[in-house]
């Protein structure tokens, strides 16, 4: 059964609230229950280094666990949201701010566009039956700008030990980091990759 816009908006409001709770405590794992048990969550670091978590446990342990540890005080303020109730999709655009001030009192911020693309579904079985959950999520952000901001924080001596430890966690040996050919899910969300929502046929 499809979701109404009111149901999606109610879910989104709860998502924004749990984001603020995660930012307040510095533990992003509290957000795991908003995902379906079989959800996928991915993003791209480079052309051949992708992150992908499969299922709620990996999302909790990797995507909002290992990947977010050390980002105490960082906040991801959603500045615009687009909801499509026909496709049960949400696109949220956020600004990634560090909570760390430079010597001029200005907050370090990762520039460029950043956001998350969600597919939401009503669960039909198991303990979550009847509840709205995230079926898939794909993020995007400006990686060169991210690297520049991290380097600025380090060079200015503003990075905490926890943040320095997090910045050292890189490469394909980290849980959830894959070469593209080895990804356990698709870069584009599965229903989009299948062609369920093709808007314009490719040039033949």
N, C-alpha and C. Protein backbone atom coordinates (compact mmCIF):
# COMPACT_ATOMS: atom_id res chain seq x y z
N UNK A 1 0.85 -1.19 0.00
CA UNK A 1 0.00 0.00 0.00
C UNK A 1 0.89 1.24 0.00
N UNK A 2 0.55 2.20 -0.88
CA UNK A 2 1.37 3.40 -1.01
C UNK A 2 1.21 4.29 0.21
N UNK A 3 2.19 5.17 0.38
CA UNK A 3 2.19 6.09 1.50
C UNK A 3 1.54 7.40 1.10
N UNK A 4 0.84 8.02 2.02
CA UNK A 4 0.31 9.35 1.77
C UNK A 4 1.39 10.39 2.05
N UNK A 5 1.19 11.57 1.54
CA UNK A 5 2.17 12.63 1.81
C UNK A 5 2.22 12.93 3.30
N UNK A 6 1.07 12.89 3.96
CA UNK A 6 1.05 13.17 5.40
C UNK A 6 1.89 12.15 6.16
N UNK A 7 1.83 10.89 5.75
CA UNK A 7 2.63 9.85 6.41
C UNK A 7 4.12 10.10 6.19
N UNK A 8 4.48 10.48 4.97
CA UNK A 8 5.89 10.74 4.67
C UNK A 8 6.37 11.95 5.45
N UNK A 9 5.55 12.99 5.51
CA UNK A 9 5.95 14.19 6.25
C UNK A 9 6.10 13.89 7.74
N UNK A 10 5.22 13.07 8.29
CA UNK A 10 5.33 12.70 9.70
C UNK A 10 6.62 11.92 9.94
N UNK A 11 6.93 11.01 9.03
CA UNK A 11 8.18 10.26 9.15
C UNK A 11 9.38 11.20 9.06
N UNK A 12 9.33 12.14 8.13
CA UNK A 12 10.45 13.07 7.94
C UNK A 12 10.66 13.94 9.17
N UNK A 13 9.58 14.39 9.78
CA UNK A 13 9.71 15.18 11.00
C UNK A 13 10.41 14.38 12.10
N UNK A 14 10.09 13.09 12.19
CA UNK A 14 10.73 12.25 13.20
C UNK A 14 12.20 12.04 12.88
N UNK A 15 12.52 11.99 11.58
CA UNK A 15 13.91 11.84 11.15
C UNK A 15 14.74 13.07 11.51
N UNK A 16 14.17 14.24 11.27
CA UNK A 16 14.86 15.47 11.64
C UNK A 16 15.10 15.53 13.14
N UNK A 17 14.13 15.06 13.90
CA UNK A 17 14.26 15.09 15.36
C UNK A 17 15.36 14.15 15.84
N UNK A 18 15.45 12.95 15.27
CA UNK A 18 16.48 12.01 15.73
C UNK A 18 17.86 12.46 15.26
N UNK A 19 17.93 13.17 14.13
CA UNK A 19 19.21 13.76 13.71
C UNK A 19 19.71 14.74 14.77
N UNK A 20 18.83 15.58 15.28
CA UNK A 20 19.24 16.54 16.30
C UNK A 20 19.68 15.82 17.57
N UNK A 21 19.00 14.72 17.91
CA UNK A 21 19.39 13.96 19.10
C UNK A 21 20.78 13.37 18.90
N UNK A 22 21.05 12.85 17.71
CA UNK A 22 22.38 12.29 17.42
C UNK A 22 23.45 13.37 17.50
N UNK A 23 23.16 14.54 16.97
CA UNK A 23 24.12 15.64 17.04
C UNK A 23 24.37 16.06 18.49
N UNK A 24 23.32 16.03 19.30
CA UNK A 24 23.44 16.45 20.69
C UNK A 24 24.33 15.49 21.49
N UNK A 25 24.17 14.20 21.25
CA UNK A 25 24.90 13.20 22.03
C UNK A 25 26.23 12.81 21.40
N UNK A 26 26.39 13.03 20.08
CA UNK A 26 27.59 12.59 19.38
C UNK A 26 27.55 11.12 19.01
N UNK A 27 26.41 10.45 19.25
CA UNK A 27 26.26 9.04 18.90
C UNK A 27 25.17 8.92 17.84
N UNK A 28 25.59 8.67 16.61
CA UNK A 28 24.66 8.64 15.48
C UNK A 28 23.91 7.31 15.39
N UNK A 29 24.32 6.34 16.18
CA UNK A 29 23.72 5.00 16.09
C UNK A 29 22.24 5.00 16.47
N UNK A 30 21.80 6.04 17.19
CA UNK A 30 20.39 6.09 17.58
C UNK A 30 19.47 6.18 16.36
N UNK A 31 20.04 6.52 15.20
CA UNK A 31 19.24 6.68 13.99
C UNK A 31 18.95 5.35 13.30
N UNK A 32 19.56 4.27 13.75
CA UNK A 32 19.46 2.99 13.04
C UNK A 32 18.03 2.48 12.94
N UNK A 33 17.22 2.73 13.94
CA UNK A 33 15.87 2.20 13.94
C UNK A 33 14.97 2.84 12.89
N UNK A 34 15.41 3.89 12.25
CA UNK A 34 14.64 4.51 11.18
C UNK A 34 14.82 3.77 9.85
N UNK A 35 15.72 2.80 9.82
CA UNK A 35 15.99 2.03 8.60
C UNK A 35 15.29 0.68 8.64
N UNK A 36 14.88 0.21 7.47
CA UNK A 36 14.33 -1.14 7.36
C UNK A 36 15.43 -2.16 7.65
N UNK A 37 15.02 -3.34 8.07
CA UNK A 37 16.00 -4.38 8.38
C UNK A 37 16.88 -4.71 7.19
N UNK A 38 16.35 -4.59 5.96
CA UNK A 38 17.10 -4.93 4.76
C UNK A 38 17.49 -3.70 3.94
N UNK A 39 17.56 -2.54 4.58
CA UNK A 39 17.89 -1.31 3.86
C UNK A 39 19.33 -1.32 3.37
N UNK A 40 19.60 -0.49 2.37
CA UNK A 40 20.97 -0.26 1.92
C UNK A 40 21.27 1.22 2.00
N UNK A 41 22.54 1.53 2.26
CA UNK A 41 22.94 2.93 2.45
C UNK A 41 24.34 3.09 1.86
N UNK A 42 24.48 3.96 0.86
CA UNK A 42 25.78 4.11 0.23
C UNK A 42 26.10 5.53 -0.19
N UNK A 43 27.39 5.74 -0.46
CA UNK A 43 27.87 6.99 -1.04
C UNK A 43 29.19 6.71 -1.73
N UNK A 44 29.74 7.73 -2.36
CA UNK A 44 30.92 7.58 -3.20
C UNK A 44 32.05 8.44 -2.68
N UNK A 45 33.22 7.84 -2.49
CA UNK A 45 34.42 8.59 -2.12
C UNK A 45 35.24 8.96 -3.36
N UNK A 46 35.34 8.04 -4.29
CA UNK A 46 36.06 8.29 -5.54
C UNK A 46 35.48 7.36 -6.59
N UNK A 47 36.03 7.43 -7.80
CA UNK A 47 35.46 6.62 -8.87
C UNK A 47 35.52 5.13 -8.56
N UNK A 48 36.48 4.71 -7.71
CA UNK A 48 36.60 3.29 -7.40
C UNK A 48 36.68 3.01 -5.91
N UNK A 49 36.20 3.94 -5.11
CA UNK A 49 36.03 3.67 -3.69
C UNK A 49 34.65 4.14 -3.28
N UNK A 50 33.81 3.17 -2.99
CA UNK A 50 32.43 3.44 -2.61
C UNK A 50 32.18 2.87 -1.23
N UNK A 51 31.26 3.48 -0.52
CA UNK A 51 30.80 2.91 0.75
C UNK A 51 29.42 2.31 0.54
N UNK A 52 29.20 1.14 1.15
CA UNK A 52 27.87 0.55 1.10
C UNK A 52 27.66 -0.29 2.35
N UNK A 53 26.55 -0.03 3.04
CA UNK A 53 26.13 -0.85 4.19
C UNK A 53 24.84 -1.55 3.80
N UNK A 54 24.76 -2.83 4.12
CA UNK A 54 23.61 -3.63 3.77
C UNK A 54 22.91 -4.11 5.04
N UNK A 55 21.69 -3.66 5.23
CA UNK A 55 20.93 -4.07 6.40
C UNK A 55 21.12 -3.14 7.58
N UNK A 56 20.17 -3.18 8.49
CA UNK A 56 20.15 -2.27 9.63
C UNK A 56 21.40 -2.41 10.51
N UNK A 57 21.86 -3.63 10.70
CA UNK A 57 23.02 -3.83 11.58
C UNK A 57 24.27 -3.18 11.01
N UNK A 58 24.53 -3.37 9.70
CA UNK A 58 25.69 -2.74 9.09
C UNK A 58 25.54 -1.22 9.06
N UNK A 59 24.32 -0.75 8.84
CA UNK A 59 24.10 0.70 8.87
C UNK A 59 24.43 1.25 10.25
N UNK A 60 23.98 0.55 11.29
CA UNK A 60 24.27 0.99 12.65
C UNK A 60 25.77 0.94 12.95
N UNK A 61 26.42 -0.17 12.58
CA UNK A 61 27.82 -0.39 12.96
C UNK A 61 28.80 0.36 12.07
N UNK A 62 28.46 0.50 10.78
CA UNK A 62 29.40 1.08 9.83
C UNK A 62 29.02 2.50 9.40
N UNK A 63 27.83 2.65 8.79
CA UNK A 63 27.47 3.94 8.19
C UNK A 63 27.32 5.04 9.23
N UNK A 64 26.61 4.75 10.32
CA UNK A 64 26.43 5.75 11.37
C UNK A 64 27.21 5.37 12.63
N UNK A 65 28.12 4.41 12.46
CA UNK A 65 29.00 3.99 13.53
C UNK A 65 30.42 4.41 13.22
N UNK A 66 31.18 3.52 12.57
CA UNK A 66 32.58 3.80 12.24
C UNK A 66 32.73 5.09 11.45
N UNK A 67 31.87 5.28 10.46
CA UNK A 67 32.01 6.43 9.57
C UNK A 67 31.74 7.77 10.28
N UNK A 68 30.94 7.74 11.34
CA UNK A 68 30.58 8.98 12.02
C UNK A 68 31.30 9.18 13.35
N UNK A 69 31.99 8.18 13.84
CA UNK A 69 32.72 8.34 15.09
C UNK A 69 33.77 9.45 14.94
N UNK A 70 33.85 10.30 15.93
CA UNK A 70 34.81 11.39 15.90
C UNK A 70 34.23 12.72 15.46
N UNK A 71 33.00 12.68 14.92
CA UNK A 71 32.38 13.91 14.46
C UNK A 71 31.54 14.56 15.55
N UNK A 72 32.09 14.59 16.75
CA UNK A 72 31.40 15.24 17.87
C UNK A 72 31.27 16.73 17.57
N UNK A 73 30.06 17.24 17.75
CA UNK A 73 29.83 18.67 17.53
C UNK A 73 29.49 19.04 16.10
N UNK A 74 29.68 18.11 15.16
CA UNK A 74 29.32 18.39 13.77
C UNK A 74 27.80 18.37 13.64
N UNK A 75 27.28 19.16 12.72
CA UNK A 75 25.83 19.16 12.50
C UNK A 75 25.54 19.26 11.01
N UNK A 76 24.45 18.61 10.64
CA UNK A 76 24.07 18.49 9.23
C UNK A 76 22.68 19.11 9.10
N UNK A 77 22.67 20.40 8.86
CA UNK A 77 21.42 21.15 8.87
C UNK A 77 20.73 21.03 7.51
N UNK A 78 19.55 20.43 7.53
CA UNK A 78 18.78 20.32 6.29
C UNK A 78 18.23 21.69 5.92
N UNK A 79 18.63 22.19 4.76
CA UNK A 79 18.24 23.53 4.34
C UNK A 79 17.10 23.51 3.33
N UNK A 80 16.82 22.34 2.76
CA UNK A 80 15.72 22.22 1.82
C UNK A 80 15.35 20.75 1.70
N UNK A 81 14.06 20.48 1.58
CA UNK A 81 13.57 19.11 1.44
C UNK A 81 12.58 19.05 0.28
N UNK A 82 12.70 18.01 -0.52
CA UNK A 82 11.75 17.75 -1.60
C UNK A 82 11.13 16.38 -1.36
N UNK A 83 9.81 16.31 -1.32
CA UNK A 83 9.10 15.05 -1.09
C UNK A 83 8.27 14.71 -2.32
N UNK A 84 8.40 13.48 -2.78
CA UNK A 84 7.59 12.97 -3.89
C UNK A 84 6.79 11.80 -3.37
N UNK A 85 5.51 12.02 -3.05
CA UNK A 85 4.70 10.95 -2.49
C UNK A 85 4.34 9.89 -3.51
N UNK A 86 4.38 10.23 -4.80
CA UNK A 86 4.07 9.23 -5.82
C UNK A 86 5.16 8.17 -5.90
N UNK A 87 6.40 8.57 -5.69
CA UNK A 87 7.52 7.64 -5.72
C UNK A 87 7.96 7.22 -4.32
N UNK A 88 7.38 7.79 -3.29
CA UNK A 88 7.79 7.56 -1.90
C UNK A 88 9.28 7.85 -1.71
N UNK A 89 9.68 9.00 -2.22
CA UNK A 89 11.07 9.44 -2.13
C UNK A 89 11.17 10.78 -1.42
N UNK A 90 12.29 10.98 -0.75
CA UNK A 90 12.60 12.26 -0.12
C UNK A 90 14.03 12.63 -0.51
N UNK A 91 14.24 13.88 -0.87
CA UNK A 91 15.59 14.40 -1.08
C UNK A 91 15.81 15.52 -0.08
N UNK A 92 16.82 15.36 0.74
CA UNK A 92 17.15 16.38 1.73
C UNK A 92 18.52 16.96 1.46
N UNK A 93 18.59 18.27 1.30
CA UNK A 93 19.86 18.96 1.07
C UNK A 93 20.35 19.50 2.40
N UNK A 94 21.59 19.16 2.76
CA UNK A 94 22.12 19.63 4.04
C UNK A 94 23.46 20.33 3.88
N UNK A 95 23.73 21.20 4.86
CA UNK A 95 25.04 21.83 4.97
C UNK A 95 25.80 21.13 6.08
N UNK A 96 27.04 20.81 5.80
CA UNK A 96 27.86 20.03 6.74
C UNK A 96 28.78 21.00 7.48
N UNK A 97 28.45 21.23 8.75
CA UNK A 97 29.18 22.20 9.56
C UNK A 97 29.82 21.49 10.75
N UNK A 98 30.98 21.98 11.15
CA UNK A 98 31.84 21.23 12.07
C UNK A 98 31.62 21.52 13.54
N UNK A 99 31.04 22.67 13.87
CA UNK A 99 30.99 23.07 15.27
C UNK A 99 32.33 23.54 15.80
N UNK A 100 33.35 23.60 14.92
CA UNK A 100 34.70 24.04 15.29
C UNK A 100 34.92 25.44 14.73
N UNK A 101 35.41 26.35 15.56
CA UNK A 101 35.61 27.73 15.13
C UNK A 101 37.08 27.99 14.81
N UNK A 102 37.30 28.77 13.76
CA UNK A 102 38.67 29.16 13.45
C UNK A 102 39.05 30.37 14.31
N UNK A 103 40.24 30.91 14.08
CA UNK A 103 40.74 32.01 14.92
C UNK A 103 39.94 33.29 14.75
N UNK A 104 39.14 33.36 13.69
CA UNK A 104 38.29 34.53 13.47
C UNK A 104 36.88 34.32 14.01
N UNK A 105 36.66 33.16 14.66
CA UNK A 105 35.34 32.87 15.21
C UNK A 105 34.35 32.34 14.21
N UNK A 106 34.84 31.98 13.01
CA UNK A 106 33.96 31.43 11.99
C UNK A 106 34.01 29.91 12.00
N UNK A 107 32.87 29.30 11.76
CA UNK A 107 32.76 27.84 11.82
C UNK A 107 33.28 27.20 10.53
N UNK A 108 34.12 26.18 10.70
CA UNK A 108 34.57 25.42 9.53
C UNK A 108 33.37 24.69 8.92
N UNK A 109 33.24 24.83 7.63
CA UNK A 109 32.10 24.23 6.91
C UNK A 109 32.60 23.61 5.62
N UNK A 110 32.03 22.46 5.28
CA UNK A 110 32.34 21.83 4.00
C UNK A 110 31.44 22.48 2.95
N UNK A 111 32.06 23.12 1.99
CA UNK A 111 31.31 23.85 0.97
C UNK A 111 30.84 22.91 -0.13
N UNK A 112 30.09 23.45 -1.05
CA UNK A 112 29.54 22.60 -2.10
C UNK A 112 28.23 21.98 -1.64
N UNK A 113 27.52 21.37 -2.58
CA UNK A 113 26.23 20.78 -2.27
C UNK A 113 26.40 19.44 -1.57
N UNK A 114 25.53 19.19 -0.61
CA UNK A 114 25.51 17.91 0.07
C UNK A 114 24.08 17.51 0.34
N UNK A 115 23.82 16.22 0.35
CA UNK A 115 22.46 15.81 0.62
C UNK A 115 22.28 14.31 0.67
N UNK A 116 21.06 13.91 0.95
CA UNK A 116 20.69 12.50 1.04
C UNK A 116 19.41 12.27 0.25
N UNK A 117 19.37 11.15 -0.44
CA UNK A 117 18.22 10.74 -1.25
C UNK A 117 17.68 9.47 -0.62
N UNK A 118 16.42 9.50 -0.22
CA UNK A 118 15.82 8.39 0.51
C UNK A 118 14.66 7.78 -0.27
N UNK A 119 14.53 6.48 -0.15
CA UNK A 119 13.31 5.79 -0.52
C UNK A 119 12.69 5.24 0.75
N UNK A 120 11.41 5.53 0.97
CA UNK A 120 10.74 5.09 2.20
C UNK A 120 9.61 4.12 1.85
N UNK A 121 9.39 3.17 2.72
CA UNK A 121 8.38 2.14 2.48
C UNK A 121 7.69 1.77 3.79
N UNK A 122 6.43 1.36 3.66
CA UNK A 122 5.74 0.77 4.79
C UNK A 122 6.15 -0.70 4.88
N UNK A 123 6.55 -1.13 6.05
CA UNK A 123 6.99 -2.51 6.23
C UNK A 123 5.76 -3.42 6.32
N UNK A 124 5.85 -4.58 5.70
CA UNK A 124 4.69 -5.48 5.59
C UNK A 124 4.82 -6.73 6.44
N UNK A 125 5.98 -6.96 7.03
CA UNK A 125 6.17 -8.19 7.81
C UNK A 125 7.14 -7.94 8.95
N UNK A 126 7.19 -8.88 9.88
CA UNK A 126 8.14 -8.80 10.98
C UNK A 126 7.73 -7.80 12.04
N UNK A 127 8.64 -7.51 12.98
CA UNK A 127 8.32 -6.61 14.09
C UNK A 127 8.04 -5.18 13.67
N UNK A 128 8.49 -4.80 12.45
CA UNK A 128 8.27 -3.43 11.98
C UNK A 128 7.02 -3.30 11.10
N UNK A 129 6.23 -4.35 11.00
CA UNK A 129 5.06 -4.33 10.11
C UNK A 129 4.17 -3.12 10.39
N UNK A 130 3.81 -2.43 9.32
CA UNK A 130 2.96 -1.25 9.43
C UNK A 130 3.71 0.04 9.60
N UNK A 131 5.00 -0.02 9.94
CA UNK A 131 5.79 1.19 10.18
C UNK A 131 6.46 1.67 8.89
N UNK A 132 6.67 2.96 8.82
CA UNK A 132 7.41 3.54 7.70
C UNK A 132 8.89 3.52 8.05
N UNK A 133 9.70 3.01 7.12
CA UNK A 133 11.15 2.93 7.32
C UNK A 133 11.87 3.34 6.04
N UNK A 134 13.15 3.66 6.18
CA UNK A 134 13.99 3.96 5.02
C UNK A 134 14.40 2.64 4.36
N UNK A 135 14.05 2.48 3.10
CA UNK A 135 14.40 1.27 2.35
C UNK A 135 15.79 1.39 1.75
N UNK A 136 16.16 2.59 1.35
CA UNK A 136 17.50 2.85 0.82
C UNK A 136 17.83 4.33 0.99
N UNK A 137 19.12 4.59 1.06
CA UNK A 137 19.61 5.97 1.15
C UNK A 137 20.90 6.08 0.35
N UNK A 138 21.03 7.15 -0.40
CA UNK A 138 22.26 7.46 -1.11
C UNK A 138 22.62 8.91 -0.82
N UNK A 139 23.87 9.13 -0.42
CA UNK A 139 24.35 10.48 -0.09
C UNK A 139 25.28 10.99 -1.19
N UNK A 140 25.41 12.29 -1.24
CA UNK A 140 26.43 12.90 -2.09
C UNK A 140 26.99 14.11 -1.36
N UNK A 141 28.26 14.41 -1.65
CA UNK A 141 28.91 15.58 -1.04
C UNK A 141 30.12 15.91 -1.90
N UNK A 142 30.64 17.08 -1.70
CA UNK A 142 31.79 17.57 -2.48
C UNK A 142 33.07 17.05 -1.83
N UNK A 143 33.64 15.98 -2.37
CA UNK A 143 34.81 15.36 -1.75
C UNK A 143 36.04 16.28 -1.74
N UNK A 144 36.38 16.99 -2.82
CA UNK A 144 37.53 17.91 -2.75
C UNK A 144 37.35 18.98 -1.67
N UNK A 145 36.12 19.51 -1.54
CA UNK A 145 35.88 20.49 -0.50
C UNK A 145 35.98 19.87 0.89
N UNK A 146 35.53 18.62 1.03
CA UNK A 146 35.65 17.92 2.30
C UNK A 146 37.11 17.78 2.70
N UNK A 147 37.93 17.34 1.75
CA UNK A 147 39.36 17.18 2.03
C UNK A 147 40.00 18.51 2.41
N UNK A 148 39.62 19.57 1.70
CA UNK A 148 40.18 20.90 1.99
C UNK A 148 39.82 21.35 3.40
N UNK A 149 38.57 21.16 3.80
CA UNK A 149 38.14 21.59 5.12
C UNK A 149 38.83 20.78 6.21
N UNK A 150 38.91 19.46 6.02
CA UNK A 150 39.61 18.63 7.00
C UNK A 150 41.06 19.07 7.16
N UNK A 151 41.73 19.32 6.03
CA UNK A 151 43.13 19.74 6.06
C UNK A 151 43.28 21.08 6.78
N UNK A 152 42.33 22.00 6.54
CA UNK A 152 42.38 23.30 7.20
C UNK A 152 42.26 23.15 8.71
N UNK A 153 41.34 22.29 9.14
CA UNK A 153 41.15 22.07 10.59
C UNK A 153 42.42 21.50 11.21
N UNK A 154 43.07 20.57 10.51
CA UNK A 154 44.30 19.96 11.02
C UNK A 154 45.43 20.99 11.06
N UNK A 155 45.62 21.70 9.94
CA UNK A 155 46.72 22.67 9.86
C UNK A 155 46.57 23.80 10.89
N UNK A 156 45.33 24.13 11.22
CA UNK A 156 45.09 25.20 12.18
C UNK A 156 45.14 24.69 13.62
N UNK A 157 45.40 23.41 13.79
CA UNK A 157 45.50 22.84 15.13
C UNK A 157 44.18 22.75 15.87
N UNK A 158 43.09 22.62 15.13
CA UNK A 158 41.76 22.63 15.74
C UNK A 158 41.14 21.23 15.85
N UNK A 159 41.81 20.22 15.34
CA UNK A 159 41.22 18.88 15.31
C UNK A 159 41.40 18.17 16.65
N UNK A 160 40.34 17.57 17.17
CA UNK A 160 40.42 16.77 18.38
C UNK A 160 41.11 15.44 18.08
N UNK A 161 41.53 14.76 19.12
CA UNK A 161 42.14 13.44 18.92
C UNK A 161 41.16 12.49 18.26
N UNK A 162 39.89 12.54 18.67
CA UNK A 162 38.88 11.65 18.08
C UNK A 162 38.69 11.94 16.60
N UNK A 163 38.72 13.21 16.22
CA UNK A 163 38.57 13.55 14.82
C UNK A 163 39.79 13.11 14.02
N UNK A 164 40.98 13.28 14.59
CA UNK A 164 42.20 12.82 13.91
C UNK A 164 42.17 11.31 13.71
N UNK A 165 41.69 10.60 14.71
CA UNK A 165 41.56 9.15 14.58
C UNK A 165 40.59 8.80 13.45
N UNK A 166 39.47 9.51 13.38
CA UNK A 166 38.50 9.24 12.32
C UNK A 166 39.10 9.53 10.95
N UNK A 167 39.84 10.60 10.82
CA UNK A 167 40.43 10.96 9.52
C UNK A 167 41.44 9.93 9.05
N UNK A 168 41.98 9.14 9.99
CA UNK A 168 42.96 8.11 9.61
C UNK A 168 42.28 6.83 9.13
N UNK A 169 40.96 6.75 9.29
CA UNK A 169 40.22 5.55 8.88
C UNK A 169 39.81 5.71 7.43
N UNK A 170 40.65 5.23 6.53
CA UNK A 170 40.40 5.40 5.09
C UNK A 170 40.82 4.14 4.34
N UNK A 171 40.36 4.06 3.10
CA UNK A 171 40.82 2.99 2.22
C UNK A 171 39.90 1.78 2.20
N UNK A 172 40.22 0.89 1.27
CA UNK A 172 39.37 -0.27 1.02
C UNK A 172 39.39 -1.30 2.15
N UNK A 173 40.30 -1.16 3.10
CA UNK A 173 40.34 -2.11 4.21
C UNK A 173 39.33 -1.79 5.30
N UNK A 174 38.67 -0.64 5.21
CA UNK A 174 37.69 -0.25 6.21
C UNK A 174 36.36 -0.94 5.91
N UNK A 175 35.66 -1.46 6.91
CA UNK A 175 34.37 -2.11 6.66
C UNK A 175 33.42 -1.23 5.86
N UNK A 176 32.85 -1.81 4.81
CA UNK A 176 31.90 -1.09 3.98
C UNK A 176 32.51 -0.36 2.80
N UNK A 177 33.83 -0.32 2.70
CA UNK A 177 34.49 0.34 1.57
C UNK A 177 34.77 -0.69 0.49
N UNK A 178 34.28 -0.42 -0.73
CA UNK A 178 34.36 -1.39 -1.82
C UNK A 178 34.91 -0.75 -3.09
N UNK A 179 35.59 -1.59 -3.88
CA UNK A 179 35.78 -1.25 -5.29
C UNK A 179 34.40 -1.33 -5.95
N UNK A 180 34.21 -0.53 -6.98
CA UNK A 180 32.88 -0.48 -7.60
C UNK A 180 32.41 -1.86 -8.04
N UNK A 181 33.31 -2.64 -8.62
CA UNK A 181 32.90 -3.95 -9.14
C UNK A 181 32.46 -4.92 -8.04
N UNK A 182 32.82 -4.63 -6.79
CA UNK A 182 32.51 -5.53 -5.68
C UNK A 182 31.33 -5.06 -4.84
N UNK A 183 30.69 -3.97 -5.22
CA UNK A 183 29.60 -3.42 -4.41
C UNK A 183 28.47 -4.43 -4.23
N UNK A 184 27.94 -4.55 -3.00
CA UNK A 184 26.84 -5.48 -2.76
C UNK A 184 25.47 -4.91 -3.14
N UNK A 185 25.41 -3.62 -3.44
CA UNK A 185 24.20 -3.01 -3.98
C UNK A 185 24.62 -2.02 -5.05
N UNK A 186 23.67 -1.44 -5.73
CA UNK A 186 23.97 -0.55 -6.84
C UNK A 186 24.25 0.87 -6.37
N UNK A 187 25.07 1.60 -7.13
CA UNK A 187 25.37 2.99 -6.81
C UNK A 187 24.07 3.80 -6.84
N UNK A 188 23.32 3.70 -7.92
CA UNK A 188 21.99 4.28 -7.97
C UNK A 188 21.07 3.39 -7.14
N UNK A 189 20.07 3.95 -6.47
CA UNK A 189 19.16 3.12 -5.67
C UNK A 189 18.57 1.99 -6.51
N UNK A 190 18.38 0.81 -5.91
CA UNK A 190 17.94 -0.36 -6.69
C UNK A 190 16.75 -0.12 -7.61
N UNK A 191 15.65 0.52 -7.17
CA UNK A 191 14.53 0.69 -8.10
C UNK A 191 14.84 1.64 -9.25
N UNK A 192 15.73 2.60 -9.01
CA UNK A 192 16.14 3.51 -10.07
C UNK A 192 17.04 2.77 -11.05
N UNK A 193 17.97 1.99 -10.52
CA UNK A 193 18.86 1.20 -11.39
C UNK A 193 18.06 0.23 -12.25
N UNK A 194 16.97 -0.32 -11.71
CA UNK A 194 16.12 -1.23 -12.48
C UNK A 194 15.39 -0.52 -13.60
N UNK A 195 15.28 0.79 -13.50
CA UNK A 195 14.56 1.54 -14.52
C UNK A 195 13.11 1.80 -14.18
N UNK A 196 12.75 1.66 -12.90
CA UNK A 196 11.34 1.84 -12.51
C UNK A 196 10.85 3.26 -12.73
N UNK A 197 11.76 4.23 -12.75
CA UNK A 197 11.33 5.63 -12.81
C UNK A 197 11.98 6.38 -13.97
N UNK A 198 12.27 5.68 -15.05
CA UNK A 198 12.94 6.33 -16.18
C UNK A 198 12.10 7.51 -16.67
N UNK A 199 12.71 8.68 -16.73
CA UNK A 199 12.05 9.89 -17.17
C UNK A 199 12.35 10.21 -18.63
N UNK A 200 13.54 9.85 -19.04
CA UNK A 200 13.96 10.14 -20.42
C UNK A 200 14.80 8.96 -20.90
N UNK A 201 14.35 8.33 -21.95
CA UNK A 201 15.09 7.19 -22.49
C UNK A 201 16.45 7.64 -23.00
N UNK A 202 17.49 6.82 -22.77
CA UNK A 202 18.82 7.20 -23.27
C UNK A 202 18.87 7.22 -24.79
N UNK A 203 19.79 8.01 -25.31
CA UNK A 203 19.98 8.08 -26.75
C UNK A 203 20.49 6.73 -27.24
N UNK A 204 19.87 6.21 -28.26
CA UNK A 204 20.26 4.88 -28.76
C UNK A 204 21.45 4.98 -29.70
